[in-house]
Amino acid sequence: MNKLPDIDIDFAHDLKDDVVKLIFEKYRPGTCAVVGGFSTFQAKSAFAEVAKVLGVAEREVRKFTDHFPWSFGGGWVPANTPPAAGTA
């Protein structure tokens, strides 16, 4: 099986529609495709990314996130798990 070439293009979000239109016009819709990707974040990195966008200094972000005891949704379970409903 022939492997088709893979070209990864990164560009400014606000130019996405223009770039996609240009690529499809130049190479025809039957020969190219748009593939989307996404990232997921744990609590520390999500907080840090939002703070960065808001212009908060990295030093200040670390002062706060260093106190995060876990990453929400990352499987951490506290030692003193509350009893399930109806078992107390």
C-alpha atoms as a PDB file:
ATOM      1  CA  MET A   1       0.000   0.000   0.000  1.00  0.00           C
ATOM      2  CA  ASN A   2       1.350   3.406  -0.941  1.00  0.00           C
ATOM      3  CA  LYS A   3       1.646   5.831   1.937  1.00  0.00           C
ATOM      4  CA  LEU A   4       0.371   9.268   1.096  1.00  0.00           C
ATOM      5  CA  PRO A   5       2.511  12.218   2.181  1.00  0.00           C
ATOM      6  CA  ASP A   6       1.483  13.882   5.404  1.00  0.00           C
ATOM      7  CA  ILE A   7       1.962  17.635   5.718  1.00  0.00           C
ATOM      8  CA  ASP A   8       1.266  19.285   9.051  1.00  0.00           C
ATOM      9  CA  ILE A   9       0.458  22.990   8.869  1.00  0.00           C
ATOM     10  CA  ASP A  10       0.151  25.218  11.916  1.00  0.00           C
ATOM     11  CA  PHE A  11      -1.280  28.699  11.488  1.00  0.00           C
ATOM     12  CA  ALA A  12      -3.120  31.416  13.348  1.00  0.00           C
ATOM     13  CA  HIS A  13      -6.612  30.346  14.406  1.00  0.00           C
ATOM     14  CA  ASP A  14      -8.259  33.388  12.842  1.00  0.00           C
ATOM     15  CA  LEU A  15      -6.804  32.429   9.419  1.00  0.00           C
ATOM     16  CA  LYS A  16      -8.075  28.828   9.509  1.00  0.00           C
ATOM     17  CA  ASP A  17     -10.897  29.267   7.006  1.00  0.00           C
ATOM     18  CA  ASP A  18      -8.662  31.112   4.531  1.00  0.00           C
ATOM     19  CA  VAL A  19      -5.916  28.475   4.721  1.00  0.00           C
ATOM     20  CA  VAL A  20      -8.349  25.570   4.312  1.00  0.00           C
ATOM     21  CA  LYS A  21      -9.986  27.279   1.326  1.00  0.00           C
ATOM     22  CA  LEU A  22      -6.590  27.897  -0.315  1.00  0.00           C
ATOM     23  CA  ILE A  23      -5.454  24.288   0.170  1.00  0.00           C
ATOM     24  CA  PHE A  24      -8.691  22.836  -1.193  1.00  0.00           C
ATOM     25  CA  GLU A  25      -8.618  25.177  -4.205  1.00  0.00           C
ATOM     26  CA  LYS A  26      -5.001  24.341  -5.010  1.00  0.00           C
ATOM     27  CA  TYR A  27      -5.075  20.566  -4.424  1.00  0.00           C
ATOM     28  CA  ARG A  28      -8.775  19.727  -5.069  1.00  0.00           C
ATOM     29  CA  PRO A  29     -11.138  18.310  -2.409  1.00  0.00           C
ATOM     30  CA  GLY A  30     -10.550  14.711  -3.517  1.00  0.00           C
ATOM     31  CA  THR A  31      -6.835  14.867  -2.724  1.00  0.00           C
ATOM     32  CA  CYS A  32      -6.706  16.580   0.670  1.00  0.00           C
ATOM     33  CA  ALA A  33      -8.468  16.503   4.028  1.00  0.00           C
ATOM     34  CA  VAL A  34      -8.736  18.485   7.227  1.00  0.00           C
ATOM     35  CA  VAL A  35      -7.992  16.566  10.403  1.00  0.00           C
ATOM     36  CA  GLY A  36      -8.599  18.183  13.770  1.00  0.00           C
ATOM     37  CA  GLY A  37      -6.841  17.506  16.998  1.00  0.00           C
ATOM     38  CA  PHE A  38      -7.486  18.507  20.562  1.00  0.00           C
ATOM     39  CA  SER A  39      -5.704  18.542  23.868  1.00  0.00           C
ATOM     40  CA  THR A  40      -6.958  17.704  27.315  1.00  0.00           C
ATOM     41  CA  PHE A  41      -5.606  19.276  30.474  1.00  0.00           C
ATOM     42  CA  GLN A  42      -5.293  18.314  34.098  1.00  0.00           C
ATOM     43  CA  ALA A  43      -6.157  20.968  36.692  1.00  0.00           C
ATOM     44  CA  LYS A  44      -2.670  22.482  37.034  1.00  0.00           C
ATOM     45  CA  SER A  45      -2.019  22.875  33.334  1.00  0.00           C
ATOM     46  CA  ALA A  46      -5.559  24.113  32.613  1.00  0.00           C
ATOM     47  CA  PHE A  47      -5.223  26.782  35.296  1.00  0.00           C
ATOM     48  CA  ALA A  48      -1.755  27.732  34.042  1.00  0.00           C
ATOM     49  CA  GLU A  49      -2.914  28.073  30.421  1.00  0.00           C
ATOM     50  CA  VAL A  50      -5.861  30.293  31.355  1.00  0.00           C
ATOM     51  CA  ALA A  51      -3.652  32.419  33.613  1.00  0.00           C
ATOM     52  CA  LYS A  52      -1.097  32.798  30.796  1.00  0.00           C
ATOM     53  CA  VAL A  53      -3.802  34.054  28.418  1.00  0.00           C
ATOM     54  CA  LEU A  54      -4.904  36.532  31.079  1.00  0.00           C
ATOM     55  CA  GLY A  55      -1.338  37.831  31.420  1.00  0.00           C
ATOM     56  CA  VAL A  56      -0.549  36.419  34.866  1.00  0.00           C
ATOM     57  CA  ALA A  57       3.192  35.934  35.409  1.00  0.00           C
ATOM     58  CA  GLU A  58       4.382  32.322  35.439  1.00  0.00           C
ATOM     59  CA  ARG A  59       5.936  32.871  38.869  1.00  0.00           C
ATOM     60  CA  GLU A  60       2.538  33.865  40.271  1.00  0.00           C
ATOM     61  CA  VAL A  61       0.826  30.900  38.634  1.00  0.00           C
ATOM     62  CA  ARG A  62       3.330  28.493  40.195  1.00  0.00           C
ATOM     63  CA  LYS A  63       2.784  30.011  43.639  1.00  0.00           C
ATOM     64  CA  PHE A  64      -0.850  28.972  43.319  1.00  0.00           C
ATOM     65  CA  THR A  65      -0.606  25.660  41.447  1.00  0.00           C
ATOM     66  CA  ASP A  66       2.124  24.323  43.750  1.00  0.00           C
ATOM     67  CA  HIS A  67      -0.656  23.970  46.328  1.00  0.00           C
ATOM     68  CA  PHE A  68      -2.822  21.744  44.091  1.00  0.00           C
ATOM     69  CA  PRO A  69      -2.673  18.341  45.825  1.00  0.00           C
ATOM     70  CA  TRP A  70      -3.892  16.435  42.762  1.00  0.00           C
ATOM     71  CA  SER A  71      -5.135  16.772  39.229  1.00  0.00           C
ATOM     72  CA  PHE A  72      -8.928  16.743  39.115  1.00  0.00           C
ATOM     73  CA  GLY A  73     -10.192  13.663  37.341  1.00  0.00           C
ATOM     74  CA  GLY A  74      -6.775  12.044  37.430  1.00  0.00           C
ATOM     75  CA  GLY A  75      -7.771   9.151  39.658  1.00  0.00           C
ATOM     76  CA  TRP A  76      -6.683  10.571  43.011  1.00  0.00           C
ATOM     77  CA  VAL A  77      -8.849   9.353  45.890  1.00  0.00           C
ATOM     78  CA  PRO A  78      -8.568  10.931  49.343  1.00  0.00           C
ATOM     79  CA  ALA A  79      -7.611   8.662  52.255  1.00  0.00           C
ATOM     80  CA  ASN A  80     -10.823   9.514  54.113  1.00  0.00           C
ATOM     81  CA  THR A  81     -13.361   8.646  51.463  1.00  0.00           C
ATOM     82  CA  PRO A  82     -16.855   9.628  52.601  1.00  0.00           C
ATOM     83  CA  PRO A  83     -19.240   6.672  53.027  1.00  0.00           C
ATOM     84  CA  ALA A  84     -21.610   5.888  50.192  1.00  0.00           C
ATOM     85  CA  ALA A  85     -25.197   7.020  50.552  1.00  0.00           C
ATOM     86  CA  GLY A  86     -27.214   4.826  52.924  1.00  0.00           C
ATOM     87  CA  THR A  87     -24.177   3.130  54.539  1.00  0.00           C
ATOM     88  CA  ALA A  88     -23.421   5.562  57.355  1.00  0.00           C
END
